[in-house]
C-alpha atoms as a PDB file:
ATOM      1  CA  UNK A   1       0.190  -0.022  -0.333  1.00  0.00           C
ATOM      2  CA  UNK A   2       1.650   3.339  -0.920  1.00  0.00           C
ATOM      3  CA  UNK A   3       1.561   6.209   1.634  1.00  0.00           C
ATOM      4  CA  UNK A   4      -1.282   8.958   0.335  1.00  0.00           C
ATOM      5  CA  UNK A   5       0.583  12.159  -0.982  1.00  0.00           C
ATOM      6  CA  UNK A   6      -0.989  15.659   0.170  1.00  0.00           C
ATOM      7  CA  UNK A   7      -0.726  18.967  -1.075  1.00  0.00           C
ATOM      8  CA  UNK A   8       1.315  21.397   1.034  1.00  0.00           C
ATOM      9  CA  UNK A   9      -2.398  23.513   1.162  1.00  0.00           C
ATOM     10  CA  UNK A  10      -3.924  20.352   1.885  1.00  0.00           C
ATOM     11  CA  UNK A  11      -1.045  20.006   5.058  1.00  0.00           C
ATOM     12  CA  UNK A  12      -1.677  23.789   5.829  1.00  0.00           C
ATOM     13  CA  UNK A  13      -5.570  23.821   6.190  1.00  0.00           C
ATOM     14  CA  UNK A  14      -5.501  20.233   8.579  1.00  0.00           C
ATOM     15  CA  UNK A  15      -2.632  21.944  10.934  1.00  0.00           C
ATOM     16  CA  UNK A  16      -5.718  25.236  11.017  1.00  0.00           C
ATOM     17  CA  UNK A  17      -8.276  22.900  11.709  1.00  0.00           C
ATOM     18  CA  UNK A  18      -6.159  20.626  14.136  1.00  0.00           C
ATOM     19  CA  UNK A  19      -5.431  24.081  16.103  1.00  0.00           C
ATOM     20  CA  UNK A  20      -8.736  25.198  16.113  1.00  0.00           C
ATOM     21  CA  UNK A  21      -9.974  21.193  17.128  1.00  0.00           C
ATOM     22  CA  UNK A  22     -11.126  22.532  20.839  1.00  0.00           C
ATOM     23  CA  UNK A  23     -14.014  24.768  21.974  1.00  0.00           C
ATOM     24  CA  UNK A  24     -11.261  26.548  24.201  1.00  0.00           C
ATOM     25  CA  UNK A  25      -9.138  27.289  21.541  1.00  0.00           C
ATOM     26  CA  UNK A  26     -12.503  28.940  19.572  1.00  0.00           C
ATOM     27  CA  UNK A  27     -13.160  30.812  23.148  1.00  0.00           C
ATOM     28  CA  UNK A  28      -9.719  31.944  22.860  1.00  0.00           C
ATOM     29  CA  UNK A  29      -9.853  32.797  18.548  1.00  0.00           C
ATOM     30  CA  UNK A  30     -13.572  34.373  19.474  1.00  0.00           C
ATOM     31  CA  UNK A  31     -11.948  36.639  22.289  1.00  0.00           C
ATOM     32  CA  UNK A  32      -8.688  37.569  20.230  1.00  0.00           C
ATOM     33  CA  UNK A  33     -10.835  38.380  17.405  1.00  0.00           C
ATOM     34  CA  UNK A  34     -12.734  40.901  18.992  1.00  0.00           C
ATOM     35  CA  UNK A  35      -9.434  42.755  20.038  1.00  0.00           C
ATOM     36  CA  UNK A  36      -5.643  44.095  18.864  1.00  0.00           C
ATOM     37  CA  UNK A  37      -4.192  42.765  21.220  1.00  0.00           C
ATOM     38  CA  UNK A  38      -4.458  41.438  24.994  1.00  0.00           C
ATOM     39  CA  UNK A  39      -2.357  39.800  27.588  1.00  0.00           C
ATOM     40  CA  UNK A  40      -2.274  36.069  28.559  1.00  0.00           C
ATOM     41  CA  UNK A  41      -3.562  37.380  32.192  1.00  0.00           C
ATOM     42  CA  UNK A  42      -6.857  39.076  30.019  1.00  0.00           C
ATOM     43  CA  UNK A  43      -7.122  35.512  28.157  1.00  0.00           C
ATOM     44  CA  UNK A  44      -7.023  33.446  31.472  1.00  0.00           C
ATOM     45  CA  UNK A  45      -9.272  35.840  33.286  1.00  0.00           C
ATOM     46  CA  UNK A  46     -11.991  35.066  30.421  1.00  0.00           C
ATOM     47  CA  UNK A  47     -11.855  31.156  30.449  1.00  0.00           C
ATOM     48  CA  UNK A  48     -12.480  29.286  33.581  1.00  0.00           C
ATOM     49  CA  UNK A  49      -9.146  26.896  33.219  1.00  0.00           C
ATOM     50  CA  UNK A  50      -6.287  26.644  34.677  1.00  0.00           C
ATOM     51  CA  UNK A  51      -3.096  28.891  33.972  1.00  0.00           C
ATOM     52  CA  UNK A  52      -1.247  26.116  32.353  1.00  0.00           C
ATOM     53  CA  UNK A  53      -3.909  24.849  30.293  1.00  0.00           C
ATOM     54  CA  UNK A  54      -4.598  28.183  28.977  1.00  0.00           C
ATOM     55  CA  UNK A  55      -1.120  28.245  28.080  1.00  0.00           C
ATOM     56  CA  UNK A  56      -0.748  24.849  26.404  1.00  0.00           C
ATOM     57  CA  UNK A  57      -3.886  25.951  24.012  1.00  0.00           C
ATOM     58  CA  UNK A  58      -2.445  29.309  23.297  1.00  0.00           C
ATOM     59  CA  UNK A  59       0.783  27.441  22.436  1.00  0.00           C
ATOM     60  CA  UNK A  60      -1.380  25.364  19.753  1.00  0.00           C
ATOM     61  CA  UNK A  61      -2.666  28.274  18.143  1.00  0.00           C
ATOM     62  CA  UNK A  62       0.880  30.074  18.081  1.00  0.00           C
ATOM     63  CA  UNK A  63       2.567  26.870  16.422  1.00  0.00           C
ATOM     64  CA  UNK A  64      -0.240  26.614  13.888  1.00  0.00           C
ATOM     65  CA  UNK A  65       0.505  30.480  12.775  1.00  0.00           C
ATOM     66  CA  UNK A  66      -3.397  31.743  13.551  1.00  0.00           C
ATOM     67  CA  UNK A  67      -2.025  33.810  16.650  1.00  0.00           C
ATOM     68  CA  UNK A  68       0.780  35.491  17.612  1.00  0.00           C
ATOM     69  CA  UNK A  69       2.650  36.624  21.180  1.00  0.00           C
ATOM     70  CA  UNK A  70       4.952  39.184  22.089  1.00  0.00           C
ATOM     71  CA  UNK A  71       7.114  38.991  25.247  1.00  0.00           C
ATOM     72  CA  UNK A  72       7.076  42.444  27.069  1.00  0.00           C
ATOM     73  CA  UNK A  73       8.393  41.184  30.881  1.00  0.00           C
ATOM     74  CA  UNK A  74       7.086  39.981  33.185  1.00  0.00           C
ATOM     75  CA  UNK A  75       4.215  39.912  30.565  1.00  0.00           C
ATOM     76  CA  UNK A  76       2.697  38.087  26.853  1.00  0.00           C
ATOM     77  CA  UNK A  77       0.945  39.777  24.603  1.00  0.00           C
ATOM     78  CA  UNK A  78      -0.971  38.216  21.991  1.00  0.00           C
ATOM     79  CA  UNK A  79      -3.044  38.767  18.427  1.00  0.00           C
ATOM     80  CA  UNK A  80      -4.380  36.948  16.000  1.00  0.00           C
ATOM     81  CA  UNK A  81      -1.537  36.153  13.332  1.00  0.00           C
ATOM     82  CA  UNK A  82      -4.002  38.417  10.255  1.00  0.00           C
ATOM     83  CA  UNK A  83      -2.003  37.069   7.678  1.00  0.00           C
ATOM     84  CA  UNK A  84      -2.533  33.486   8.375  1.00  0.00           C
ATOM     85  CA  UNK A  85      -6.168  34.412   9.829  1.00  0.00           C
ATOM     86  CA  UNK A  86      -6.641  35.320   5.766  1.00  0.00           C
ATOM     87  CA  UNK A  87      -5.201  32.395   4.537  1.00  0.00           C
ATOM     88  CA  UNK A  88      -7.029  30.181   6.983  1.00  0.00           C
ATOM     89  CA  UNK A  89     -10.465  31.851   6.239  1.00  0.00           C
ATOM     90  CA  UNK A  90      -9.450  31.757   2.588  1.00  0.00           C
ATOM     91  CA  UNK A  91      -8.907  27.740   2.791  1.00  0.00           C
ATOM     92  CA  UNK A  92     -11.755  27.006   4.634  1.00  0.00           C
ATOM     93  CA  UNK A  93     -14.030  28.707   2.574  1.00  0.00           C
ATOM     94  CA  UNK A  94     -12.687  27.372  -0.882  1.00  0.00           C
ATOM     95  CA  UNK A  95     -12.721  23.845   0.961  1.00  0.00           C
ATOM     96  CA  UNK A  96     -16.759  24.573   1.839  1.00  0.00           C
ATOM     97  CA  UNK A  97     -17.255  25.938  -1.797  1.00  0.00           C
ATOM     98  CA  UNK A  98     -15.742  23.029  -3.490  1.00  0.00           C
ATOM     99  CA  UNK A  99     -18.749  20.697  -1.810  1.00  0.00           C
ATOM    100  CA  UNK A 100     -21.517  21.330  -4.842  1.00  0.00           C
ATOM    101  CA  UNK A 101     -24.737  21.030  -3.794  1.00  0.00           C
ATOM    102  CA  UNK A 102     -26.144  17.996  -5.009  1.00  0.00           C
ATOM    103  CA  UNK A 103     -30.189  17.185  -5.329  1.00  0.00           C
ATOM    104  CA  UNK A 104     -30.814  15.531  -1.719  1.00  0.00           C
ATOM    105  CA  UNK A 105     -32.586  12.589  -3.799  1.00  0.00           C
ATOM    106  CA  UNK A 106     -29.228  11.299  -5.581  1.00  0.00           C
ATOM    107  CA  UNK A 107     -27.387  11.238  -2.282  1.00  0.00           C
ATOM    108  CA  UNK A 108     -25.975   7.754  -1.562  1.00  0.00           C
ATOM    109  CA  UNK A 109     -27.376   7.966   2.278  1.00  0.00           C
ATOM    110  CA  UNK A 110     -30.692   8.110   1.535  1.00  0.00           C
END
């Protein structure tokens, strides 16, 4: 059996999707999307979870490129990575647009 080959766009979209695959991360993205920037403490105050857990979720989002952080000792400031945010939006939009509107009577599940 041969290993499937994926395009770089498919791999990138999967990485964005994986990073967004937890409700806490979606809540963080919603929170950050409403602001230009905010500090870690602001995010932690918004979410009823441990600081270490918030940090893990921020790391996942940052590693995927959806957010970025700047260290301003002793604080860390976060914001949406607008360039990658727009790329992700475009890629998800294209994926959803690829699903053709099929007549429900022709679905194989009916």
